[in-house]
PDB file of N, CA and C in Angstrom:
ATOM      1  N   MET A   1      -5.353  -8.593  36.930  1.00  0.00           N
ATOM      2  CA  MET A   1      -4.671  -9.845  36.853  1.00  0.00           C
ATOM      3  C   MET A   1      -3.281  -9.665  36.256  1.00  0.00           C
ATOM      4  N   PHE A   2      -3.197  -9.974  34.970  1.00  0.00           N
ATOM      5  CA  PHE A   2      -1.901  -9.862  34.328  1.00  0.00           C
ATOM      6  C   PHE A   2      -1.832  -8.535  33.586  1.00  0.00           C
ATOM      7  N   ASN A   3      -0.979  -7.682  34.032  1.00  0.00           N
ATOM      8  CA  ASN A   3      -0.779  -6.411  33.341  1.00  0.00           C
ATOM      9  C   ASN A   3       0.287  -6.612  32.282  1.00  0.00           C
ATOM     10  N   ARG A   4       0.061  -6.010  31.166  1.00  0.00           N
ATOM     11  CA  ARG A   4       1.024  -6.158  30.082  1.00  0.00           C
ATOM     12  C   ARG A   4       1.978  -4.976  30.098  1.00  0.00           C
ATOM     13  N   TYR A   5       3.130  -5.208  30.624  1.00  0.00           N
ATOM     14  CA  TYR A   5       4.184  -4.210  30.617  1.00  0.00           C
ATOM     15  C   TYR A   5       5.184  -4.585  29.548  1.00  0.00           C
ATOM     16  N   LYS A   6       5.685  -3.589  28.899  1.00  0.00           N
ATOM     17  CA  LYS A   6       6.728  -3.897  27.935  1.00  0.00           C
ATOM     18  C   LYS A   6       8.022  -3.242  28.399  1.00  0.00           C
ATOM     19  N   PHE A   7       8.965  -4.082  28.640  1.00  0.00           N
ATOM     20  CA  PHE A   7      10.274  -3.621  29.083  1.00  0.00           C
ATOM     21  C   PHE A   7      11.245  -3.703  27.924  1.00  0.00           C
ATOM     22  N   THR A   8      11.074  -2.793  27.021  1.00  0.00           N
ATOM     23  CA  THR A   8      11.929  -2.761  25.842  1.00  0.00           C
ATOM     24  C   THR A   8      12.023  -1.326  25.351  1.00  0.00           C
ATOM     25  N   ASP A   9      13.034  -1.077  24.590  1.00  0.00           N
ATOM     26  CA  ASP A   9      13.181   0.257  24.001  1.00  0.00           C
ATOM     27  C   ASP A   9      12.939   0.210  22.494  1.00  0.00           C
ATOM     28  N   LYS A  10      12.241  -0.832  22.035  1.00  0.00           N
ATOM     29  CA  LYS A  10      11.916  -0.928  20.613  1.00  0.00           C
ATOM     30  C   LYS A  10      10.891   0.122  20.224  1.00  0.00           C
ATOM     31  N   LYS A  11      11.010   0.570  19.020  1.00  0.00           N
ATOM     32  CA  LYS A  11      10.040   1.505  18.456  1.00  0.00           C
ATOM     33  C   LYS A  11       9.516   0.903  17.164  1.00  0.00           C
ATOM     34  N   HIS A  12       8.461   1.481  16.649  1.00  0.00           N
ATOM     35  CA  HIS A  12       7.936   1.022  15.368  1.00  0.00           C
ATOM     36  C   HIS A  12       8.868   1.479  14.255  1.00  0.00           C
ATOM     37  N   SER A  13       8.980   0.644  13.245  1.00  0.00           N
ATOM     38  CA  SER A  13       9.864   0.920  12.129  1.00  0.00           C
ATOM     39  C   SER A  13       9.350   2.110  11.326  1.00  0.00           C
ATOM     40  N   VAL A  14      10.211   3.080  11.110  1.00  0.00           N
ATOM     41  CA  VAL A  14       9.837   4.260  10.324  1.00  0.00           C
ATOM     42  C   VAL A  14       9.557   3.852   8.879  1.00  0.00           C
ATOM     43  N   LEU A  15      10.366   2.941   8.359  1.00  0.00           N
ATOM     44  CA  LEU A  15      10.134   2.477   6.989  1.00  0.00           C
ATOM     45  C   LEU A  15       8.810   1.735   6.882  1.00  0.00           C
ATOM     46  N   GLY A  16       8.435   1.010   7.918  1.00  0.00           N
ATOM     47  CA  GLY A  16       7.149   0.326   7.926  1.00  0.00           C
ATOM     48  C   GLY A  16       5.991   1.299   7.931  1.00  0.00           C
ATOM     49  N   ILE A  17       6.118   2.372   8.683  1.00  0.00           N
ATOM     50  CA  ILE A  17       5.065   3.392   8.725  1.00  0.00           C
ATOM     51  C   ILE A  17       4.944   4.082   7.372  1.00  0.00           C
ATOM     52  N   ILE A  18       6.084   4.385   6.745  1.00  0.00           N
ATOM     53  CA  ILE A  18       6.061   5.000   5.415  1.00  0.00           C
ATOM     54  C   ILE A  18       5.411   4.054   4.415  1.00  0.00           C
ATOM     55  N   SER A  19       5.739   2.777   4.503  1.00  0.00           N
ATOM     56  CA  SER A  19       5.152   1.785   3.608  1.00  0.00           C
ATOM     57  C   SER A  19       3.641   1.694   3.791  1.00  0.00           C
ATOM     58  N   THR A  20       3.185   1.737   5.028  1.00  0.00           N
ATOM     59  CA  THR A  20       1.753   1.678   5.298  1.00  0.00           C
ATOM     60  C   THR A  20       1.037   2.906   4.746  1.00  0.00           C
ATOM     61  N   VAL A  21       1.628   4.072   4.921  1.00  0.00           N
ATOM     62  CA  VAL A  21       1.019   5.304   4.404  1.00  0.00           C
ATOM     63  C   VAL A  21       0.957   5.269   2.879  1.00  0.00           C
ATOM     64  N   LEU A  22       2.030   4.821   2.242  1.00  0.00           N
ATOM     65  CA  LEU A  22       2.019   4.721   0.780  1.00  0.00           C
ATOM     66  C   LEU A  22       0.972   3.712   0.309  1.00  0.00           C
ATOM     67  N   GLY A  23       0.810   2.624   1.050  1.00  0.00           N
ATOM     68  CA  GLY A  23      -0.208   1.635   0.701  1.00  0.00           C
ATOM     69  C   GLY A  23      -1.613   2.183   0.829  1.00  0.00           C
ATOM     70  N   LEU A  24      -1.847   2.968   1.877  1.00  0.00           N
ATOM     71  CA  LEU A  24      -3.167   3.567   2.044  1.00  0.00           C
ATOM     72  C   LEU A  24      -3.452   4.593   0.952  1.00  0.00           C
ATOM     73  N   ILE A  25      -2.444   5.353   0.561  1.00  0.00           N
ATOM     74  CA  ILE A  25      -2.627   6.310  -0.535  1.00  0.00           C
ATOM     75  C   ILE A  25      -2.896   5.575  -1.844  1.00  0.00           C
ATOM     76  N   ALA A  26      -2.139   4.507  -2.109  1.00  0.00           N
ATOM     77  CA  ALA A  26      -2.324   3.740  -3.339  1.00  0.00           C
ATOM     78  C   ALA A  26      -3.709   3.107  -3.385  1.00  0.00           C
ATOM     79  N   SER A  27      -4.157   2.530  -2.278  1.00  0.00           N
ATOM     80  CA  SER A  27      -5.488   1.913  -2.285  1.00  0.00           C
ATOM     81  C   SER A  27      -6.581   2.972  -2.370  1.00  0.00           C
ATOM     82  N   GLY A  28      -6.366   4.138  -1.783  1.00  0.00           N
ATOM     83  CA  GLY A  28      -7.317   5.230  -1.926  1.00  0.00           C
ATOM     84  C   GLY A  28      -7.431   5.705  -3.364  1.00  0.00           C
ATOM     85  N   LEU A  29      -6.303   5.758  -4.061  1.00  0.00           N
ATOM     86  CA  LEU A  29      -6.332   6.141  -5.478  1.00  0.00           C
ATOM     87  C   LEU A  29      -7.066   5.104  -6.323  1.00  0.00           C
ATOM     88  N   ILE A  30      -6.910   3.830  -5.979  1.00  0.00           N
ATOM     89  CA  ILE A  30      -7.625   2.785  -6.716  1.00  0.00           C
ATOM     90  C   ILE A  30      -9.129   2.922  -6.503  1.00  0.00           C
ATOM     91  N   VAL A  31      -9.520   3.141  -5.263  1.00  0.00           N
ATOM     92  CA  VAL A  31     -10.955   3.307  -4.963  1.00  0.00           C
ATOM     93  C   VAL A  31     -11.505   4.533  -5.686  1.00  0.00           C
ATOM     94  N   TYR A  32     -10.745   5.618  -5.698  1.00  0.00           N
ATOM     95  CA  TYR A  32     -11.183   6.831  -6.393  1.00  0.00           C
ATOM     96  C   TYR A  32     -11.282   6.589  -7.905  1.00  0.00           C
ATOM     97  N   ALA A  33     -10.322   5.851  -8.468  1.00  0.00           N
ATOM     98  CA  ALA A  33     -10.358   5.559  -9.909  1.00  0.00           C
ATOM     99  C   ALA A  33     -11.581   4.711 -10.260  1.00  0.00           C
ATOM    100  N   VAL A  34     -11.898   3.749  -9.413  1.00  0.00           N
ATOM    101  CA  VAL A  34     -13.090   2.927  -9.665  1.00  0.00           C
ATOM    102  C   VAL A  34     -14.353   3.787  -9.569  1.00  0.00           C
ATOM    103  N   TYR A  35     -14.397   4.687  -8.600  1.00  0.00           N
ATOM    104  CA  TYR A  35     -15.541   5.584  -8.444  1.00  0.00           C
ATOM    105  C   TYR A  35     -15.714   6.470  -9.680  1.00  0.00           C
ATOM    106  N   VAL A  36     -14.632   7.059 -10.142  1.00  0.00           N
ATOM    107  CA  VAL A  36     -14.698   7.939 -11.316  1.00  0.00           C
ATOM    108  C   VAL A  36     -15.107   7.139 -12.550  1.00  0.00           C
ATOM    109  N   SER A  37     -14.597   5.926 -12.669  1.00  0.00           N
ATOM    110  CA  SER A  37     -14.953   5.098 -13.816  1.00  0.00           C
ATOM    111  C   SER A  37     -16.439   4.746 -13.822  1.00  0.00           C
ATOM    112  N   PHE A  38     -16.974   4.403 -12.657  1.00  0.00           N
ATOM    113  CA  PHE A  38     -18.408   4.119 -12.583  1.00  0.00           C
ATOM    114  C   PHE A  38     -19.235   5.362 -12.832  1.00  0.00           C
ATOM    115  N   LYS A  39     -18.766   6.496 -12.328  1.00  0.00           N
ATOM    116  CA  LYS A  39     -19.511   7.735 -12.503  1.00  0.00           C
ATOM    117  C   LYS A  39     -19.590   8.142 -13.975  1.00  0.00           C
ATOM    118  N   HIS A  40     -18.541   7.893 -14.726  1.00  0.00           N
ATOM    119  CA  HIS A  40     -18.513   8.240 -16.149  1.00  0.00           C
ATOM    120  C   HIS A  40     -18.882   7.060 -17.041  1.00  0.00           C
ATOM    121  N   ALA A  41     -19.435   6.018 -16.473  1.00  0.00           N
ATOM    122  CA  ALA A  41     -19.903   4.835 -17.207  1.00  0.00           C
ATOM    123  C   ALA A  41     -18.803   4.207 -18.056  1.00  0.00           C
ATOM    124  N   GLY A  42     -17.597   4.178 -17.525  1.00  0.00           N
ATOM    125  CA  GLY A  42     -16.477   3.549 -18.216  1.00  0.00           C
ATOM    126  C   GLY A  42     -15.811   4.412 -19.249  1.00  0.00           C
ATOM    127  N   GLU A  43     -16.213   5.662 -19.396  1.00  0.00           N
ATOM    128  CA  GLU A  43     -15.662   6.567 -20.403  1.00  0.00           C
ATOM    129  C   GLU A  43     -14.864   7.690 -19.755  1.00  0.00           C
ATOM    130  N   ALA A  44     -14.046   7.380 -18.771  1.00  0.00           N
ATOM    131  CA  ALA A  44     -13.309   8.415 -18.049  1.00  0.00           C
ATOM    132  C   ALA A  44     -12.039   8.838 -18.765  1.00  0.00           C
ATOM    133  N   GLY A  45     -11.591   8.071 -19.719  1.00  0.00           N
ATOM    134  CA  GLY A  45     -10.434   8.461 -20.512  1.00  0.00           C
ATOM    135  C   GLY A  45      -9.115   8.169 -19.820  1.00  0.00           C
ATOM    136  N   THR A  46      -8.168   9.062 -20.060  1.00  0.00           N
ATOM    137  CA  THR A  46      -6.815   8.827 -19.569  1.00  0.00           C
ATOM    138  C   THR A  46      -6.660   9.074 -18.078  1.00  0.00           C
ATOM    139  N   LEU A  47      -7.655   9.701 -17.455  1.00  0.00           N
ATOM    140  CA  LEU A  47      -7.570   9.958 -16.015  1.00  0.00           C
ATOM    141  C   LEU A  47      -7.441   8.658 -15.231  1.00  0.00           C
ATOM    142  N   ILE A  48      -8.176   7.649 -15.641  1.00  0.00           N
ATOM    143  CA  ILE A  48      -8.132   6.359 -14.955  1.00  0.00           C
ATOM    144  C   ILE A  48      -6.767   5.717 -15.136  1.00  0.00           C
ATOM    145  N   GLY A  49      -6.215   5.815 -16.323  1.00  0.00           N
ATOM    146  CA  GLY A  49      -4.887   5.257 -16.581  1.00  0.00           C
ATOM    147  C   GLY A  49      -3.812   5.939 -15.763  1.00  0.00           C
ATOM    148  N   LYS A  50      -3.916   7.256 -15.663  1.00  0.00           N
ATOM    149  CA  LYS A  50      -2.937   8.000 -14.866  1.00  0.00           C
ATOM    150  C   LYS A  50      -3.048   7.646 -13.388  1.00  0.00           C
ATOM    151  N   LEU A  51      -4.271   7.543 -12.887  1.00  0.00           N
ATOM    152  CA  LEU A  51      -4.452   7.159 -11.492  1.00  0.00           C
ATOM    153  C   LEU A  51      -3.958   5.735 -11.233  1.00  0.00           C
ATOM    154  N   GLY A  52      -4.196   4.850 -12.183  1.00  0.00           N
ATOM    155  CA  GLY A  52      -3.732   3.475 -12.047  1.00  0.00           C
ATOM    156  C   GLY A  52      -2.213   3.384 -12.040  1.00  0.00           C
ATOM    157  N   CYS A  53      -1.571   4.106 -12.939  1.00  0.00           N
ATOM    158  CA  CYS A  53      -0.105   4.101 -12.987  1.00  0.00           C
ATOM    159  C   CYS A  53       0.494   4.708 -11.722  1.00  0.00           C
ATOM    160  N   LEU A  54      -0.074   5.811 -11.266  1.00  0.00           N
ATOM    161  CA  LEU A  54       0.407   6.430 -10.043  1.00  0.00           C
ATOM    162  C   LEU A  54       0.232   5.489  -8.854  1.00  0.00           C
ATOM    163  N   SER A  55      -0.904   4.837  -8.784  1.00  0.00           N
ATOM    164  CA  SER A  55      -1.159   3.903  -7.708  1.00  0.00           C
ATOM    165  C   SER A  55      -0.204   2.718  -7.767  1.00  0.00           C
ATOM    166  N   PHE A  56       0.063   2.220  -8.972  1.00  0.00           N
ATOM    167  CA  PHE A  56       0.988   1.093  -9.111  1.00  0.00           C
ATOM    168  C   PHE A  56       2.388   1.466  -8.640  1.00  0.00           C
ATOM    169  N   PHE A  57       2.873   2.638  -9.051  1.00  0.00           N
ATOM    170  CA  PHE A  57       4.222   3.030  -8.673  1.00  0.00           C
ATOM    171  C   PHE A  57       4.312   3.355  -7.180  1.00  0.00           C
ATOM    172  N   LEU A  58       3.274   3.952  -6.617  1.00  0.00           N
ATOM    173  CA  LEU A  58       3.267   4.162  -5.166  1.00  0.00           C
ATOM    174  C   LEU A  58       3.267   2.827  -4.427  1.00  0.00           C
ATOM    175  N   GLY A  59       2.504   1.875  -4.936  1.00  0.00           N
ATOM    176  CA  GLY A  59       2.478   0.551  -4.325  1.00  0.00           C
ATOM    177  C   GLY A  59       3.812  -0.160  -4.450  1.00  0.00           C
ATOM    178  N   LEU A  60       4.470   0.000  -5.581  1.00  0.00           N
ATOM    179  CA  LEU A  60       5.770  -0.624  -5.780  1.00  0.00           C
ATOM    180  C   LEU A  60       6.821  -0.019  -4.851  1.00  0.00           C
ATOM    181  N   VAL A  61       6.830   1.295  -4.742  1.00  0.00           N
ATOM    182  CA  VAL A  61       7.758   1.955  -3.827  1.00  0.00           C
ATOM    183  C   VAL A  61       7.446   1.561  -2.383  1.00  0.00           C
ATOM    184  N   GLY A  62       6.163   1.524  -2.032  1.00  0.00           N
ATOM    185  CA  GLY A  62       5.774   1.115  -0.686  1.00  0.00           C
ATOM    186  C   GLY A  62       6.157  -0.319  -0.379  1.00  0.00           C
ATOM    187  N   LEU A  63       6.063  -1.185  -1.378  1.00  0.00           N
ATOM    188  CA  LEU A  63       6.461  -2.581  -1.191  1.00  0.00           C
ATOM    189  C   LEU A  63       7.956  -2.690  -0.946  1.00  0.00           C
ATOM    190  N   ILE A  64       8.744  -1.969  -1.719  1.00  0.00           N
ATOM    191  CA  ILE A  64      10.200  -1.990  -1.539  1.00  0.00           C
ATOM    192  C   ILE A  64      10.584  -1.415  -0.178  1.00  0.00           C
ATOM    193  N   VAL A  65       9.958  -0.312   0.207  1.00  0.00           N
ATOM    194  CA  VAL A  65      10.257   0.304   1.499  1.00  0.00           C
ATOM    195  C   VAL A  65       9.851  -0.628   2.641  1.00  0.00           C
ATOM    196  N   GLY A  66       8.713  -1.288   2.498  1.00  0.00           N
ATOM    197  CA  GLY A  66       8.258  -2.219   3.537  1.00  0.00           C
ATOM    198  C   GLY A  66       9.183  -3.399   3.699  1.00  0.00           C
ATOM    199  N   ILE A  67       9.676  -3.928   2.599  1.00  0.00           N
ATOM    200  CA  ILE A  67      10.609  -5.044   2.668  1.00  0.00           C
ATOM    201  C   ILE A  67      11.933  -4.605   3.273  1.00  0.00           C
ATOM    202  N   ARG A  68      12.373  -3.409   2.944  1.00  0.00           N
ATOM    203  CA  ARG A  68      13.616  -2.901   3.540  1.00  0.00           C
ATOM    204  C   ARG A  68      13.465  -2.645   5.030  1.00  0.00           C
ATOM    205  N   GLY A  69      12.238  -2.401   5.476  1.00  0.00           N
ATOM    206  CA  GLY A  69      11.990  -2.186   6.897  1.00  0.00           C
ATOM    207  C   GLY A  69      12.221  -3.433   7.731  1.00  0.00           C
ATOM    208  N   PHE A  70      12.107  -4.612   7.105  1.00  0.00           N
ATOM    209  CA  PHE A  70      12.354  -5.855   7.828  1.00  0.00           C
ATOM    210  C   PHE A  70      13.832  -6.054   8.158  1.00  0.00           C
ATOM    211  N   LYS A  71      14.710  -5.329   7.506  1.00  0.00           N
ATOM    212  CA  LYS A  71      16.140  -5.487   7.738  1.00  0.00           C
ATOM    213  C   LYS A  71      16.635  -4.714   8.949  1.00  0.00           C
ATOM    214  N   LYS A  72      15.817  -3.856   9.512  1.00  0.00           N
ATOM    215  CA  LYS A  72      16.210  -3.085  10.683  1.00  0.00           C
ATOM    216  C   LYS A  72      16.132  -3.967  11.930  1.00  0.00           C
ATOM    217  N   ASP A  73      17.033  -3.742  12.844  1.00  0.00           N
ATOM    218  CA  ASP A  73      17.042  -4.477  14.103  1.00  0.00           C
ATOM    219  C   ASP A  73      16.414  -3.635  15.207  1.00  0.00           C
ATOM    220  N   ASP A  74      15.932  -4.309  16.223  1.00  0.00           N
ATOM    221  CA  ASP A  74      15.367  -3.674  17.426  1.00  0.00           C
ATOM    222  C   ASP A  74      14.196  -2.751  17.118  1.00  0.00           C
ATOM    223  N   VAL A  75      13.322  -3.167  16.227  1.00  0.00           N
ATOM    224  CA  VAL A  75      12.099  -2.424  15.936  1.00  0.00           C
ATOM    225  C   VAL A  75      10.940  -3.400  15.898  1.00  0.00           C
ATOM    226  N   PHE A  76       9.746  -2.871  16.070  1.00  0.00           N
ATOM    227  CA  PHE A  76       8.550  -3.673  15.881  1.00  0.00           C
ATOM    228  C   PHE A  76       8.239  -3.724  14.389  1.00  0.00           C
ATOM    229  N   TYR A  77       7.831  -4.890  13.907  1.00  0.00           N
ATOM    230  CA  TYR A  77       7.608  -5.076  12.479  1.00  0.00           C
ATOM    231  C   TYR A  77       6.140  -5.005  12.084  1.00  0.00           C
ATOM    232  N   LEU A  78       5.267  -4.553  12.967  1.00  0.00           N
ATOM    233  CA  LEU A  78       3.837  -4.536  12.679  1.00  0.00           C
ATOM    234  C   LEU A  78       3.522  -3.731  11.423  1.00  0.00           C
ATOM    235  N   PHE A  79       4.025  -2.517  11.343  1.00  0.00           N
ATOM    236  CA  PHE A  79       3.720  -1.674  10.190  1.00  0.00           C
ATOM    237  C   PHE A  79       4.419  -2.164   8.927  1.00  0.00           C
ATOM    238  N   CYS A  80       5.540  -2.861   9.078  1.00  0.00           N
ATOM    239  CA  CYS A  80       6.181  -3.469   7.909  1.00  0.00           C
ATOM    240  C   CYS A  80       5.271  -4.532   7.311  1.00  0.00           C
ATOM    241  N   TYR A  81       4.674  -5.364   8.177  1.00  0.00           N
ATOM    242  CA  TYR A  81       3.747  -6.386   7.693  1.00  0.00           C
ATOM    243  C   TYR A  81       2.520  -5.751   7.036  1.00  0.00           C
ATOM    244  N   ILE A  82       1.951  -4.753   7.704  1.00  0.00           N
ATOM    245  CA  ILE A  82       0.739  -4.115   7.179  1.00  0.00           C
ATOM    246  C   ILE A  82       1.027  -3.424   5.846  1.00  0.00           C
ATOM    247  N   GLY A  83       2.093  -2.651   5.788  1.00  0.00           N
ATOM    248  CA  GLY A  83       2.428  -1.925   4.565  1.00  0.00           C
ATOM    249  C   GLY A  83       2.760  -2.849   3.410  1.00  0.00           C
ATOM    250  N   THR A  84       3.514  -3.901   3.693  1.00  0.00           N
ATOM    251  CA  THR A  84       3.857  -4.855   2.645  1.00  0.00           C
ATOM    252  C   THR A  84       2.609  -5.552   2.120  1.00  0.00           C
ATOM    253  N   ALA A  85       1.703  -5.917   3.008  1.00  0.00           N
ATOM    254  CA  ALA A  85       0.469  -6.591   2.595  1.00  0.00           C
ATOM    255  C   ALA A  85      -0.413  -5.670   1.748  1.00  0.00           C
ATOM    256  N   ILE A  86      -0.624  -4.442   2.200  1.00  0.00           N
ATOM    257  CA  ILE A  86      -1.485  -3.513   1.461  1.00  0.00           C
ATOM    258  C   ILE A  86      -0.904  -3.225   0.077  1.00  0.00           C
ATOM    259  N   ASN A  87       0.393  -2.949   0.016  1.00  0.00           N
ATOM    260  CA  ASN A  87       1.015  -2.637  -1.267  1.00  0.00           C
ATOM    261  C   ASN A  87       1.022  -3.841  -2.200  1.00  0.00           C
ATOM    262  N   SER A  88       1.214  -5.034  -1.656  1.00  0.00           N
ATOM    263  CA  SER A  88       1.181  -6.239  -2.488  1.00  0.00           C
ATOM    264  C   SER A  88      -0.206  -6.446  -3.088  1.00  0.00           C
ATOM    265  N   VAL A  89      -1.235  -6.274  -2.271  1.00  0.00           N
ATOM    266  CA  VAL A  89      -2.603  -6.456  -2.761  1.00  0.00           C
ATOM    267  C   VAL A  89      -2.920  -5.420  -3.836  1.00  0.00           C
ATOM    268  N   CYS A  90      -2.526  -4.179  -3.616  1.00  0.00           N
ATOM    269  CA  CYS A  90      -2.785  -3.132  -4.615  1.00  0.00           C
ATOM    270  C   CYS A  90      -2.086  -3.441  -5.931  1.00  0.00           C
ATOM    271  N   ASP A  91      -0.811  -3.822  -5.868  1.00  0.00           N
ATOM    272  CA  ASP A  91      -0.078  -4.084  -7.100  1.00  0.00           C
ATOM    273  C   ASP A  91      -0.596  -5.322  -7.820  1.00  0.00           C
ATOM    274  N   VAL A  92      -0.917  -6.375  -7.076  1.00  0.00           N
ATOM    275  CA  VAL A  92      -1.464  -7.577  -7.706  1.00  0.00           C
ATOM    276  C   VAL A  92      -2.819  -7.265  -8.346  1.00  0.00           C
ATOM    277  N   PHE A  93      -3.645  -6.473  -7.665  1.00  0.00           N
ATOM    278  CA  PHE A  93      -4.937  -6.087  -8.226  1.00  0.00           C
ATOM    279  C   PHE A  93      -4.766  -5.321  -9.525  1.00  0.00           C
ATOM    280  N   LEU A  94      -3.853  -4.383  -9.560  1.00  0.00           N
ATOM    281  CA  LEU A  94      -3.650  -3.582 -10.774  1.00  0.00           C
ATOM    282  C   LEU A  94      -3.060  -4.421 -11.917  1.00  0.00           C
ATOM    283  N   VAL A  95      -2.152  -5.339 -11.600  1.00  0.00           N
ATOM    284  CA  VAL A  95      -1.607  -6.205 -12.639  1.00  0.00           C
ATOM    285  C   VAL A  95      -2.698  -7.119 -13.189  1.00  0.00           C
ATOM    286  N   LEU A  96      -3.555  -7.648 -12.310  1.00  0.00           N
ATOM    287  CA  LEU A  96      -4.647  -8.491 -12.780  1.00  0.00           C
ATOM    288  C   LEU A  96      -5.629  -7.698 -13.643  1.00  0.00           C
ATOM    289  N   MET A  97      -5.904  -6.457 -13.268  1.00  0.00           N
ATOM    290  CA  MET A  97      -6.780  -5.620 -14.088  1.00  0.00           C
ATOM    291  C   MET A  97      -6.158  -5.382 -15.467  1.00  0.00           C
ATOM    292  N   LEU A  98      -4.856  -5.208 -15.502  1.00  0.00           N
ATOM    293  CA  LEU A  98      -4.157  -5.015 -16.778  1.00  0.00           C
ATOM    294  C   LEU A  98      -4.224  -6.282 -17.626  1.00  0.00           C
ATOM    295  N   LEU A  99      -4.016  -7.428 -16.993  1.00  0.00           N
ATOM    296  CA  LEU A  99      -4.047  -8.688 -17.733  1.00  0.00           C
ATOM    297  C   LEU A  99      -5.450  -9.052 -18.220  1.00  0.00           C
ATOM    298  N   ILE A 100      -6.443  -8.735 -17.418  1.00  0.00           N
ATOM    299  CA  ILE A 100      -7.827  -9.013 -17.819  1.00  0.00           C
ATOM    300  C   ILE A 100      -8.220  -8.110 -18.989  1.00  0.00           C
ATOM    301  N   GLY A 101      -7.710  -6.883 -18.968  1.00  0.00           N
ATOM    302  CA  GLY A 101      -7.977  -5.963 -20.062  1.00  0.00           C
ATOM    303  C   GLY A 101      -9.168  -5.073 -19.791  1.00  0.00           C
ATOM    304  N   VAL A 102      -9.449  -4.821 -18.538  1.00  0.00           N
ATOM    305  CA  VAL A 102     -10.593  -3.970 -18.188  1.00  0.00           C
ATOM    306  C   VAL A 102     -10.261  -2.529 -18.396  1.00  0.00           C
TER     307      VAL A 102
END
């Protein structure tokens, strides 16, 4: 029936792809930190703090890179949206964990 052809020379945003990769790494570090914390019954020490800080800064850099990806013209913004969303969720989660005091 209707074939979907795309007659454009747009490509995916490189900054969006970088932002998405950084978001996936940051969320993976959060999952690993939660796993280690449960495995050590909450007594994991400074390892959890280091993983949390690293994840926060990766998420912050990924968020900035994702937002800068929206400023490019003639690109698809799919990965910019995905990367910005993942990094925002990771950073908000870590800030809430800090505020709760867990």
